[in-house]
Amino acid sequence: AQKQSLFDRRLLAPAIVDSFRKLNPASLAKNPVIFITALVAALATALL
């Protein structure tokens, strides 16, 4: 089995960038709970 660090430094920066890319509603919609969380976060932002 090929060994790989859980948090390889080379993977962290791309993963952080991908975290923002996945804010795309089409991507979020694949996960209903997180999609709902994003919707109410957007509503809270508008209220703020």
All heavy atoms as atom14 arrays in JSON, in Angstrom:
{
  "sequence": "AQKQSLFDRRLLAPAIVDSFRKLNPASLAKNPVIFITALVAALATALL",
  "atom14_mask": [
    [1, 1, 1, 1, 1, 0, 0, 0, 0, 0, 0, 0, 0, 0],
    [1, 1, 1, 1, 1, 1, 1, 1, 1, 0, 0, 0, 0, 0],
    [1, 1, 1, 1, 1, 1, 1, 1, 1, 0, 0, 0, 0, 0],
    [1, 1, 1, 1, 1, 1, 1, 1, 1, 0, 0, 0, 0, 0],
    [1, 1, 1, 1, 1, 1, 0, 0, 0, 0, 0, 0, 0, 0],
    [1, 1, 1, 1, 1, 1, 1, 1, 0, 0, 0, 0, 0, 0],
    [1, 1, 1, 1, 1, 1, 1, 1, 1, 1, 1, 0, 0, 0],
    [1, 1, 1, 1, 1, 1, 1, 1, 0, 0, 0, 0, 0, 0],
    [1, 1, 1, 1, 1, 1, 1, 1, 1, 1, 1, 0, 0, 0],
    [1, 1, 1, 1, 1, 1, 1, 1, 1, 1, 1, 0, 0, 0],
    [1, 1, 1, 1, 1, 1, 1, 1, 0, 0, 0, 0, 0, 0],
    [1, 1, 1, 1, 1, 1, 1, 1, 0, 0, 0, 0, 0, 0],
    [1, 1, 1, 1, 1, 0, 0, 0, 0, 0, 0, 0, 0, 0],
    [1, 1, 1, 1, 1, 1, 1, 0, 0, 0, 0, 0, 0, 0],
    [1, 1, 1, 1, 1, 0, 0, 0, 0, 0, 0, 0, 0, 0],
    [1, 1, 1, 1, 1, 1, 1, 1, 0, 0, 0, 0, 0, 0],
    [1, 1, 1, 1, 1, 1, 1, 0, 0, 0, 0, 0, 0, 0],
    [1, 1, 1, 1, 1, 1, 1, 1, 0, 0, 0, 0, 0, 0],
    [1, 1, 1, 1, 1, 1, 0, 0, 0, 0, 0, 0, 0, 0],
    [1, 1, 1, 1, 1, 1, 1, 1, 1, 1, 1, 0, 0, 0],
    [1, 1, 1, 1, 1, 1, 1, 1, 1, 1, 1, 0, 0, 0],
    [1, 1, 1, 1, 1, 1, 1, 1, 1, 0, 0, 0, 0, 0],
    [1, 1, 1, 1, 1, 1, 1, 1, 0, 0, 0, 0, 0, 0],
    [1, 1, 1, 1, 1, 1, 1, 1, 0, 0, 0, 0, 0, 0],
    [1, 1, 1, 1, 1, 1, 1, 0, 0, 0, 0, 0, 0, 0],
    [1, 1, 1, 1, 1, 0, 0, 0, 0, 0, 0, 0, 0, 0],
    [1, 1, 1, 1, 1, 1, 0, 0, 0, 0, 0, 0, 0, 0],
    [1, 1, 1, 1, 1, 1, 1, 1, 0, 0, 0, 0, 0, 0],
    [1, 1, 1, 1, 1, 0, 0, 0, 0, 0, 0, 0, 0, 0],
    [1, 1, 1, 1, 1, 1, 1, 1, 1, 0, 0, 0, 0, 0],
    [1, 1, 1, 1, 1, 1, 1, 1, 0, 0, 0, 0, 0, 0],
    [1, 1, 1, 1, 1, 1, 1, 0, 0, 0, 0, 0, 0, 0],
    [1, 1, 1, 1, 1, 1, 1, 0, 0, 0, 0, 0, 0, 0],
    [1, 1, 1, 1, 1, 1, 1, 1, 0, 0, 0, 0, 0, 0],
    [1, 1, 1, 1, 1, 1, 1, 1, 1, 1, 1, 0, 0, 0],
    [1, 1, 1, 1, 1, 1, 1, 1, 0, 0, 0, 0, 0, 0],
    [1, 1, 1, 1, 1, 1, 1, 0, 0, 0, 0, 0, 0, 0],
    [1, 1, 1, 1, 1, 0, 0, 0, 0, 0, 0, 0, 0, 0],
    [1, 1, 1, 1, 1, 1, 1, 1, 0, 0, 0, 0, 0, 0],
    [1, 1, 1, 1, 1, 1, 1, 0, 0, 0, 0, 0, 0, 0],
    [1, 1, 1, 1, 1, 0, 0, 0, 0, 0, 0, 0, 0, 0],
    [1, 1, 1, 1, 1, 0, 0, 0, 0, 0, 0, 0, 0, 0],
    [1, 1, 1, 1, 1, 1, 1, 1, 0, 0, 0, 0, 0, 0],
    [1, 1, 1, 1, 1, 0, 0, 0, 0, 0, 0, 0, 0, 0],
    [1, 1, 1, 1, 1, 1, 1, 0, 0, 0, 0, 0, 0, 0],
    [1, 1, 1, 1, 1, 0, 0, 0, 0, 0, 0, 0, 0, 0],
    [1, 1, 1, 1, 1, 1, 1, 1, 0, 0, 0, 0, 0, 0],
    [1, 1, 1, 1, 1, 1, 1, 1, 0, 0, 0, 0, 0, 0]
  ],
  "atom14_positions": [
    [[0.86, -1.18, 0.0], [0.0, 0.0, 0.0], [0.89, 1.22, 0.0], [1.83, 1.33, 0.77], [-0.9, -0.01, 1.23], [0.0, 0.0, 0.0], [0.0, 0.0, 0.0], [0.0, 0.0, 0.0], [0.0, 0.0, 0.0], [0.0, 0.0, 0.0], [0.0, 0.0, 0.0], [0.0, 0.0, 0.0], [0.0, 0.0, 0.0], [0.0, 0.0, 0.0]],
    [[0.6, 2.16, -0.88], [1.39, 3.37, -0.95], [1.02, 4.28, 0.2], [-0.13, 4.59, 0.43], [1.15, 4.07, -2.29], [1.51, 3.21, -3.49], [1.04, 3.8, -4.8], [0.46, 4.88, -4.83], [1.28, 3.1, -5.87], [0.0, 0.0, 0.0], [0.0, 0.0, 0.0], [0.0, 0.0, 0.0], [0.0, 0.0, 0.0], [0.0, 0.0, 0.0]],
    [[2.04, 4.73, 0.94], [1.81, 5.57, 2.09], [1.66, 7.02, 1.65], [2.33, 7.49, 0.76], [2.99, 5.45, 3.07], [3.22, 4.01, 3.56], [2.09, 3.54, 4.44], [2.38, 2.16, 5.0], [1.3, 1.64, 5.82], [0.0, 0.0, 0.0], [0.0, 0.0, 0.0], [0.0, 0.0, 0.0], [0.0, 0.0, 0.0], [0.0, 0.0, 0.0]],
    [[0.79, 7.76, 2.3], [0.6, 9.16, 2.0], [0.15, 9.88, 3.26], [-0.71, 9.41, 3.99], [-0.47, 9.32, 0.89], [-0.56, 10.74, 0.36], [-1.56, 10.82, -0.78], [-2.59, 10.16, -0.76], [-1.26, 11.6, -1.77], [0.0, 0.0, 0.0], [0.0, 0.0, 0.0], [0.0, 0.0, 0.0], [0.0, 0.0, 0.0], [0.0, 0.0, 0.0]],
    [[0.77, 11.02, 3.52], [0.43, 11.81, 4.7], [-1.0, 12.3, 4.59], [-1.49, 12.63, 3.5], [1.39, 13.0, 4.81], [0.97, 13.88, 5.82], [0.0, 0.0, 0.0], [0.0, 0.0, 0.0], [0.0, 0.0, 0.0], [0.0, 0.0, 0.0], [0.0, 0.0, 0.0], [0.0, 0.0, 0.0], [0.0, 0.0, 0.0], [0.0, 0.0, 0.0]],
    [[-1.7, 12.34, 5.74], [-3.08, 12.8, 5.72], [-3.18, 14.25, 5.25], [-4.08, 14.63, 4.52], [-3.7, 12.66, 7.12], [-4.04, 11.24, 7.57], [-4.57, 11.26, 8.98], [-5.04, 10.6, 6.63], [0.0, 0.0, 0.0], [0.0, 0.0, 0.0], [0.0, 0.0, 0.0], [0.0, 0.0, 0.0], [0.0, 0.0, 0.0], [0.0, 0.0, 0.0]],
    [[-2.23, 15.08, 5.68], [-2.23, 16.48, 5.28], [-0.88, 16.85, 4.68], [-0.06, 17.52, 5.3], [-2.54, 17.38, 6.49], [-3.95, 17.23, 7.0], [-4.19, 16.58, 8.19], [-5.02, 17.71, 6.28], [-5.5, 16.44, 8.67], [-6.32, 17.56, 6.75], [-6.56, 16.92, 7.93], [0.0, 0.0, 0.0], [0.0, 0.0, 0.0], [0.0, 0.0, 0.0]],
    [[-0.63, 16.36, 3.48], [0.58, 16.7, 2.76], [0.57, 18.2, 2.45], [-0.43, 18.74, 1.99], [0.63, 15.88, 1.46], [1.99, 15.95, 0.79], [2.58, 17.06, 0.76], [2.46, 14.91, 0.3], [0.0, 0.0, 0.0], [0.0, 0.0, 0.0], [0.0, 0.0, 0.0], [0.0, 0.0, 0.0], [0.0, 0.0, 0.0], [0.0, 0.0, 0.0]],
    [[1.69, 18.86, 2.71], [1.74, 20.31, 2.49], [1.41, 20.67, 1.04], [0.84, 21.72, 0.78], [3.14, 20.83, 2.84], [3.48, 20.75, 4.33], [4.87, 21.28, 4.59], [5.23, 21.19, 6.0], [6.41, 21.55, 6.49], [7.36, 22.01, 5.68], [6.64, 21.44, 7.78], [0.0, 0.0, 0.0], [0.0, 0.0, 0.0], [0.0, 0.0, 0.0]],
    [[1.8, 19.79, 0.12], [1.53, 20.09, -1.29], [0.04, 20.03, -1.61], [-0.39, 20.55, -2.65], [2.29, 19.09, -2.17], [3.81, 19.21, -2.09], [4.48, 18.04, -2.78], [4.14, 16.78, -2.14], [4.58, 15.59, -2.57], [5.34, 15.51, -3.63], [4.25, 14.49, -1.92], [0.0, 0.0, 0.0], [0.0, 0.0, 0.0], [0.0, 0.0, 0.0]],
    [[-0.74, 19.4, -0.75], [-2.17, 19.27, -1.01], [-2.99, 20.35, -0.34], [-4.13, 20.61, -0.75], [-2.67, 17.9, -0.52], [-1.98, 16.66, -1.1], [-2.61, 15.41, -0.52], [-2.07, 16.65, -2.62], [0.0, 0.0, 0.0], [0.0, 0.0, 0.0], [0.0, 0.0, 0.0], [0.0, 0.0, 0.0], [0.0, 0.0, 0.0], [0.0, 0.0, 0.0]],
    [[-2.45, 21.0, 0.71], [-3.23, 21.94, 1.5], [-3.66, 23.15, 0.69], [-4.84, 23.53, 0.7], [-2.44, 22.37, 2.73], [-2.29, 21.31, 3.83], [-1.46, 21.84, 4.97], [-3.65, 20.86, 4.34], [0.0, 0.0, 0.0], [0.0, 0.0, 0.0], [0.0, 0.0, 0.0], [0.0, 0.0, 0.0], [0.0, 0.0, 0.0], [0.0, 0.0, 0.0]],
    [[-2.7, 23.79, 0.0], [-3.04, 25.01, -0.75], [-4.08, 24.74, -1.83], [-5.09, 25.46, -1.92], [-1.77, 25.63, -1.34], [0.0, 0.0, 0.0], [0.0, 0.0, 0.0], [0.0, 0.0, 0.0], [0.0, 0.0, 0.0], [0.0, 0.0, 0.0], [0.0, 0.0, 0.0], [0.0, 0.0, 0.0], [0.0, 0.0, 0.0], [0.0, 0.0, 0.0]],
    [[-3.91, 23.69, -2.69], [-4.97, 23.4, -3.67], [-6.31, 23.07, -3.03], [-7.36, 23.45, -3.55], [-4.41, 22.19, -4.43], [-2.93, 22.25, -4.24], [-2.74, 22.81, -2.87], [0.0, 0.0, 0.0], [0.0, 0.0, 0.0], [0.0, 0.0, 0.0], [0.0, 0.0, 0.0], [0.0, 0.0, 0.0], [0.0, 0.0, 0.0], [0.0, 0.0, 0.0]],
    [[-6.28, 22.39, -1.87], [-7.54, 22.04, -1.21], [-8.25, 23.28, -0.69], [-9.49, 23.38, -0.75], [-7.28, 21.06, -0.06], [0.0, 0.0, 0.0], [0.0, 0.0, 0.0], [0.0, 0.0, 0.0], [0.0, 0.0, 0.0], [0.0, 0.0, 0.0], [0.0, 0.0, 0.0], [0.0, 0.0, 0.0], [0.0, 0.0, 0.0], [0.0, 0.0, 0.0]],
    [[-7.49, 24.24, -0.18], [-8.09, 25.5, 0.29], [-8.74, 26.24, -0.87], [-9.85, 26.76, -0.77], [-7.03, 26.37, 0.99], [-6.6, 25.7, 2.31], [-7.58, 27.77, 1.27], [-5.41, 26.37, 2.97], [0.0, 0.0, 0.0], [0.0, 0.0, 0.0], [0.0, 0.0, 0.0], [0.0, 0.0, 0.0], [0.0, 0.0, 0.0], [0.0, 0.0, 0.0]],
    [[-8.03, 26.29, -2.02], [-8.58, 26.95, -3.21], [-9.85, 26.23, -3.66], [-10.87, 26.87, -3.99], [-7.54, 26.97, -4.34], [-8.17, 27.49, -5.63], [-6.35, 27.84, -3.95], [0.0, 0.0, 0.0], [0.0, 0.0, 0.0], [0.0, 0.0, 0.0], [0.0, 0.0, 0.0], [0.0, 0.0, 0.0], [0.0, 0.0, 0.0], [0.0, 0.0, 0.0]],
    [[-9.82, 24.89, -3.67], [-10.99, 24.12, -4.08], [-12.16, 24.32, -3.13], [-13.33, 24.22, -3.54], [-10.65, 22.63, -4.14], [-9.83, 22.27, -5.38], [-9.76, 23.11, -6.3], [-9.24, 21.18, -5.41], [0.0, 0.0, 0.0], [0.0, 0.0, 0.0], [0.0, 0.0, 0.0], [0.0, 0.0, 0.0], [0.0, 0.0, 0.0], [0.0, 0.0, 0.0]],
    [[-11.87, 24.61, -1.85], [-12.95, 24.85, -0.88], [-13.79, 26.05, -1.3], [-15.02, 26.04, -1.13], [-12.36, 25.09, 0.51], [-11.63, 23.97, 0.95], [0.0, 0.0, 0.0], [0.0, 0.0, 0.0], [0.0, 0.0, 0.0], [0.0, 0.0, 0.0], [0.0, 0.0, 0.0], [0.0, 0.0, 0.0], [0.0, 0.0, 0.0], [0.0, 0.0, 0.0]],
    [[-13.14, 27.06, -1.86], [-13.87, 28.24, -2.33], [-14.55, 27.96, -3.68], [-15.67, 28.42, -3.93], [-12.93, 29.44, -2.45], [-12.54, 30.03, -1.12], [-11.41, 29.59, -0.45], [-13.33, 31.0, -0.53], [-11.05, 30.12, 0.79], [-12.99, 31.55, 0.71], [-11.85, 31.1, 1.37], [0.0, 0.0, 0.0], [0.0, 0.0, 0.0], [0.0, 0.0, 0.0]],
    [[-13.89, 27.16, -4.53], [-14.5, 26.82, -5.81], [-15.8, 26.03, -5.61], [-16.74, 26.16, -6.39], [-13.52, 26.0, -6.65], [-12.36, 26.81, -7.21], [-11.41, 25.91, -7.98], [-10.28, 26.66, -8.51], [-9.19, 26.1, -9.01], [-9.09, 24.78, -9.05], [-8.21, 26.85, -9.49], [0.0, 0.0, 0.0], [0.0, 0.0, 0.0], [0.0, 0.0, 0.0]],
    [[-15.81, 25.21, -4.58], [-16.98, 24.38, -4.33], [-18.15, 25.17, -3.75], [-19.21, 24.61, -3.48], [-16.61, 23.23, -3.38], [-15.71, 22.17, -4.02], [-15.33, 21.09, -3.0], [-14.45, 20.03, -3.65], [-15.21, 19.2, -4.62], [0.0, 0.0, 0.0], [0.0, 0.0, 0.0], [0.0, 0.0, 0.0], [0.0, 0.0, 0.0], [0.0, 0.0, 0.0]],
    [[-17.98, 26.5, -3.56], [-19.11, 27.34, -3.16], [-20.08, 27.53, -4.3], [-21.18, 28.09, -4.11], [-18.6, 28.7, -2.66], [-17.83, 28.68, -1.33], [-17.3, 30.07, -1.01], [-18.7, 28.17, -0.2], [0.0, 0.0, 0.0], [0.0, 0.0, 0.0], [0.0, 0.0, 0.0], [0.0, 0.0, 0.0], [0.0, 0.0, 0.0], [0.0, 0.0, 0.0]],
    [[-19.7, 27.07, -5.48], [-20.6, 27.09, -6.63], [-21.89, 26.34, -6.26], [-21.83, 25.19, -5.83], [-19.9, 26.41, -7.81], [-20.77, 26.36, -9.05], [-21.94, 26.74, -9.03], [-20.21, 25.88, -10.14], [0.0, 0.0, 0.0], [0.0, 0.0, 0.0], [0.0, 0.0, 0.0], [0.0, 0.0, 0.0], [0.0, 0.0, 0.0], [0.0, 0.0, 0.0]],
    [[-23.06, 26.97, -6.42], [-24.32, 26.31, -6.03], [-24.51, 24.93, -6.66], [-25.07, 24.03, -6.03], [-25.4, 27.29, -6.5], [-24.71, 28.62, -6.48], [-23.29, 28.35, -6.88], [0.0, 0.0, 0.0], [0.0, 0.0, 0.0], [0.0, 0.0, 0.0], [0.0, 0.0, 0.0], [0.0, 0.0, 0.0], [0.0, 0.0, 0.0], [0.0, 0.0, 0.0]],
    [[-24.05, 24.77, -7.9], [-24.19, 23.46, -8.56], [-23.41, 22.39, -7.82], [-23.84, 21.23, -7.74], [-23.72, 23.56, -10.01], [0.0, 0.0, 0.0], [0.0, 0.0, 0.0], [0.0, 0.0, 0.0], [0.0, 0.0, 0.0], [0.0, 0.0, 0.0], [0.0, 0.0, 0.0], [0.0, 0.0, 0.0], [0.0, 0.0, 0.0], [0.0, 0.0, 0.0]],
    [[-22.26, 22.76, -7.26], [-21.46, 21.81, -6.49], [-22.06, 21.58, -5.11], [-22.13, 20.44, -4.63], [-20.02, 22.33, -6.37], [-19.23, 21.47, -5.58], [0.0, 0.0, 0.0], [0.0, 0.0, 0.0], [0.0, 0.0, 0.0], [0.0, 0.0, 0.0], [0.0, 0.0, 0.0], [0.0, 0.0, 0.0], [0.0, 0.0, 0.0], [0.0, 0.0, 0.0]],
    [[-22.52, 22.66, -4.46], [-23.1, 22.54, -3.13], [-24.38, 21.72, -3.14], [-24.7, 21.03, -2.17], [-23.39, 23.93, -2.55], [-22.17, 24.77, -2.14], [-22.62, 26.18, -1.77], [-21.43, 24.12, -0.97], [0.0, 0.0, 0.0], [0.0, 0.0, 0.0], [0.0, 0.0, 0.0], [0.0, 0.0, 0.0], [0.0, 0.0, 0.0], [0.0, 0.0, 0.0]],
    [[-25.12, 21.79, -4.24], [-26.42, 21.11, -4.3], [-26.28, 19.6, -4.18], [-27.26, 18.91, -3.87], [-27.13, 21.47, -5.6], [0.0, 0.0, 0.0], [0.0, 0.0, 0.0], [0.0, 0.0, 0.0], [0.0, 0.0, 0.0], [0.0, 0.0, 0.0], [0.0, 0.0, 0.0], [0.0, 0.0, 0.0], [0.0, 0.0, 0.0], [0.0, 0.0, 0.0]],
    [[-25.08, 19.05, -4.42], [-24.87, 17.61, -4.3], [-24.89, 17.15, -2.84], [-25.02, 15.97, -2.57], [-23.52, 17.23, -4.94], [-23.45, 17.53, -6.43], [-22.06, 17.23, -6.98], [-21.96, 17.6, -8.45], [-20.59, 17.37, -8.99], [0.0, 0.0, 0.0], [0.0, 0.0, 0.0], [0.0, 0.0, 0.0], [0.0, 0.0, 0.0], [0.0, 0.0, 0.0]],
    [[-24.75, 18.11, -1.92], [-24.78, 17.79, -0.49], [-25.89, 18.61, 0.16], [-25.72, 19.78, 0.48], [-23.42, 18.15, 0.14], [-23.28, 17.62, 1.55], [-24.26, 17.51, 2.29], [-22.07, 17.29, 1.94], [0.0, 0.0, 0.0], [0.0, 0.0, 0.0], [0.0, 0.0, 0.0], [0.0, 0.0, 0.0], [0.0, 0.0, 0.0], [0.0, 0.0, 0.0]],
    [[-27.08, 18.02, 0.34], [-28.25, 18.79, 0.8], [-28.03, 19.56, 2.09], [-28.43, 20.72, 2.2], [-29.33, 17.7, 0.98], [-28.9, 16.58, 0.11], [-27.41, 16.61, 0.11], [0.0, 0.0, 0.0], [0.0, 0.0, 0.0], [0.0, 0.0, 0.0], [0.0, 0.0, 0.0], [0.0, 0.0, 0.0], [0.0, 0.0, 0.0], [0.0, 0.0, 0.0]],
    [[-27.39, 18.96, 3.09], [-27.22, 19.62, 4.38], [-26.33, 20.85, 4.25], [-26.64, 21.93, 4.76], [-26.64, 18.64, 5.42], [-26.33, 19.36, 6.73], [-27.61, 17.49, 5.67], [0.0, 0.0, 0.0], [0.0, 0.0, 0.0], [0.0, 0.0, 0.0], [0.0, 0.0, 0.0], [0.0, 0.0, 0.0], [0.0, 0.0, 0.0], [0.0, 0.0, 0.0]],
    [[-25.2, 20.71, 3.56], [-24.29, 21.84, 3.4], [-24.89, 22.88, 2.47], [-24.65, 24.09, 2.63], [-22.92, 21.34, 2.89], [-22.35, 20.32, 3.87], [-21.95, 22.49, 2.72], [-22.24, 20.82, 5.3], [0.0, 0.0, 0.0], [0.0, 0.0, 0.0], [0.0, 0.0, 0.0], [0.0, 0.0, 0.0], [0.0, 0.0, 0.0], [0.0, 0.0, 0.0]],
    [[-25.69, 22.45, 1.51], [-26.37, 23.4, 0.63], [-27.33, 24.28, 1.44], [-27.38, 25.5, 1.27], [-27.13, 22.64, -0.46], [-27.86, 23.53, -1.43], [-27.17, 24.43, -2.24], [-29.25, 23.48, -1.53], [-27.84, 25.25, -3.14], [-29.92, 24.29, -2.42], [-29.22, 25.18, -3.23], [0.0, 0.0, 0.0], [0.0, 0.0, 0.0], [0.0, 0.0, 0.0]],
    [[-28.08, 23.65, 2.35], [-29.0, 24.41, 3.22], [-28.2, 25.36, 4.11], [-28.58, 26.52, 4.32], [-29.84, 23.45, 4.07], [-30.8, 22.66, 3.17], [-30.62, 24.2, 5.14], [-31.54, 21.55, 3.89], [0.0, 0.0, 0.0], [0.0, 0.0, 0.0], [0.0, 0.0, 0.0], [0.0, 0.0, 0.0], [0.0, 0.0, 0.0], [0.0, 0.0, 0.0]],
    [[-27.07, 24.87, 4.63], [-26.22, 25.71, 5.48], [-25.72, 26.92, 4.7], [-25.69, 28.05, 5.23], [-25.02, 24.9, 6.01], [-25.51, 23.73, 6.68], [-24.18, 25.72, 6.96], [0.0, 0.0, 0.0], [0.0, 0.0, 0.0], [0.0, 0.0, 0.0], [0.0, 0.0, 0.0], [0.0, 0.0, 0.0], [0.0, 0.0, 0.0], [0.0, 0.0, 0.0]],
    [[-25.33, 26.72, 3.45], [-24.85, 27.83, 2.62], [-25.98, 28.83, 2.35], [-25.75, 30.05, 2.34], [-24.28, 27.3, 1.32], [0.0, 0.0, 0.0], [0.0, 0.0, 0.0], [0.0, 0.0, 0.0], [0.0, 0.0, 0.0], [0.0, 0.0, 0.0], [0.0, 0.0, 0.0], [0.0, 0.0, 0.0], [0.0, 0.0, 0.0], [0.0, 0.0, 0.0]],
    [[-27.2, 28.32, 2.14], [-28.34, 29.22, 1.88], [-28.62, 30.11, 3.08], [-28.8, 31.34, 2.93], [-29.58, 28.4, 1.54], [-29.63, 27.75, 0.15], [-30.94, 26.97, -0.01], [-29.55, 28.82, -0.94], [0.0, 0.0, 0.0], [0.0, 0.0, 0.0], [0.0, 0.0, 0.0], [0.0, 0.0, 0.0], [0.0, 0.0, 0.0], [0.0, 0.0, 0.0]],
    [[-28.65, 29.53, 4.27], [-28.96, 30.34, 5.45], [-27.78, 31.25, 5.8], [-27.97, 32.35, 6.35], [-29.35, 29.45, 6.65], [-30.62, 28.69, 6.35], [-28.23, 28.5, 7.04], [0.0, 0.0, 0.0], [0.0, 0.0, 0.0], [0.0, 0.0, 0.0], [0.0, 0.0, 0.0], [0.0, 0.0, 0.0], [0.0, 0.0, 0.0], [0.0, 0.0, 0.0]],
    [[-26.54, 30.82, 5.45], [-25.39, 31.7, 5.65], [-25.49, 32.91, 4.74], [-25.17, 34.05, 5.13], [-24.1, 30.94, 5.39], [0.0, 0.0, 0.0], [0.0, 0.0, 0.0], [0.0, 0.0, 0.0], [0.0, 0.0, 0.0], [0.0, 0.0, 0.0], [0.0, 0.0, 0.0], [0.0, 0.0, 0.0], [0.0, 0.0, 0.0], [0.0, 0.0, 0.0]],
    [[-25.95, 32.69, 3.5], [-26.14, 33.81, 2.58], [-27.24, 34.75, 3.08], [-27.11, 35.98, 2.98], [-26.48, 33.27, 1.19], [0.0, 0.0, 0.0], [0.0, 0.0, 0.0], [0.0, 0.0, 0.0], [0.0, 0.0, 0.0], [0.0, 0.0, 0.0], [0.0, 0.0, 0.0], [0.0, 0.0, 0.0], [0.0, 0.0, 0.0], [0.0, 0.0, 0.0]],
    [[-28.31, 34.18, 3.63], [-29.38, 35.01, 4.19], [-28.87, 35.83, 5.37], [-29.16, 37.03, 5.48], [-30.54, 34.1, 4.63], [-31.7, 34.79, 5.35], [-32.34, 35.86, 4.46], [-32.74, 33.77, 5.8], [0.0, 0.0, 0.0], [0.0, 0.0, 0.0], [0.0, 0.0, 0.0], [0.0, 0.0, 0.0], [0.0, 0.0, 0.0], [0.0, 0.0, 0.0]],
    [[-28.09, 35.19, 6.24], [-27.53, 35.9, 7.39], [-26.59, 37.02, 6.94], [-26.55, 38.1, 7.54], [-26.78, 34.93, 8.29], [0.0, 0.0, 0.0], [0.0, 0.0, 0.0], [0.0, 0.0, 0.0], [0.0, 0.0, 0.0], [0.0, 0.0, 0.0], [0.0, 0.0, 0.0], [0.0, 0.0, 0.0], [0.0, 0.0, 0.0], [0.0, 0.0, 0.0]],
    [[-25.85, 36.77, 5.85], [-24.95, 37.8, 5.31], [-25.75, 39.0, 4.82], [-25.37, 40.17, 5.06], [-24.11, 37.21, 4.17], [-23.38, 36.08, 4.64], [-23.13, 38.25, 3.63], [0.0, 0.0, 0.0], [0.0, 0.0, 0.0], [0.0, 0.0, 0.0], [0.0, 0.0, 0.0], [0.0, 0.0, 0.0], [0.0, 0.0, 0.0], [0.0, 0.0, 0.0]],
    [[-26.86, 38.73, 4.14], [-27.7, 39.82, 3.64], [-28.27, 40.64, 4.8], [-28.32, 41.88, 4.74], [-28.83, 39.24, 2.78], [0.0, 0.0, 0.0], [0.0, 0.0, 0.0], [0.0, 0.0, 0.0], [0.0, 0.0, 0.0], [0.0, 0.0, 0.0], [0.0, 0.0, 0.0], [0.0, 0.0, 0.0], [0.0, 0.0, 0.0], [0.0, 0.0, 0.0]],
    [[-28.7, 39.95, 5.85], [-29.22, 40.65, 7.02], [-28.13, 41.49, 7.69], [-28.39, 42.61, 8.15], [-29.8, 39.64, 8.02], [-31.04, 38.87, 7.55], [-31.38, 37.77, 8.54], [-32.22, 39.82, 7.36], [0.0, 0.0, 0.0], [0.0, 0.0, 0.0], [0.0, 0.0, 0.0], [0.0, 0.0, 0.0], [0.0, 0.0, 0.0], [0.0, 0.0, 0.0]],
    [[-26.92, 40.96, 7.75], [-25.81, 41.7, 8.35], [-25.51, 42.96, 7.55], [-25.29, 44.05, 8.12], [-24.57, 40.8, 8.41], [-23.29, 41.47, 8.93], [-23.47, 41.92, 10.38], [-22.11, 40.52, 8.81], [0.0, 0.0, 0.0], [0.0, 0.0, 0.0], [0.0, 0.0, 0.0], [0.0, 0.0, 0.0], [0.0, 0.0, 0.0], [0.0, 0.0, 0.0]]
  ]
}
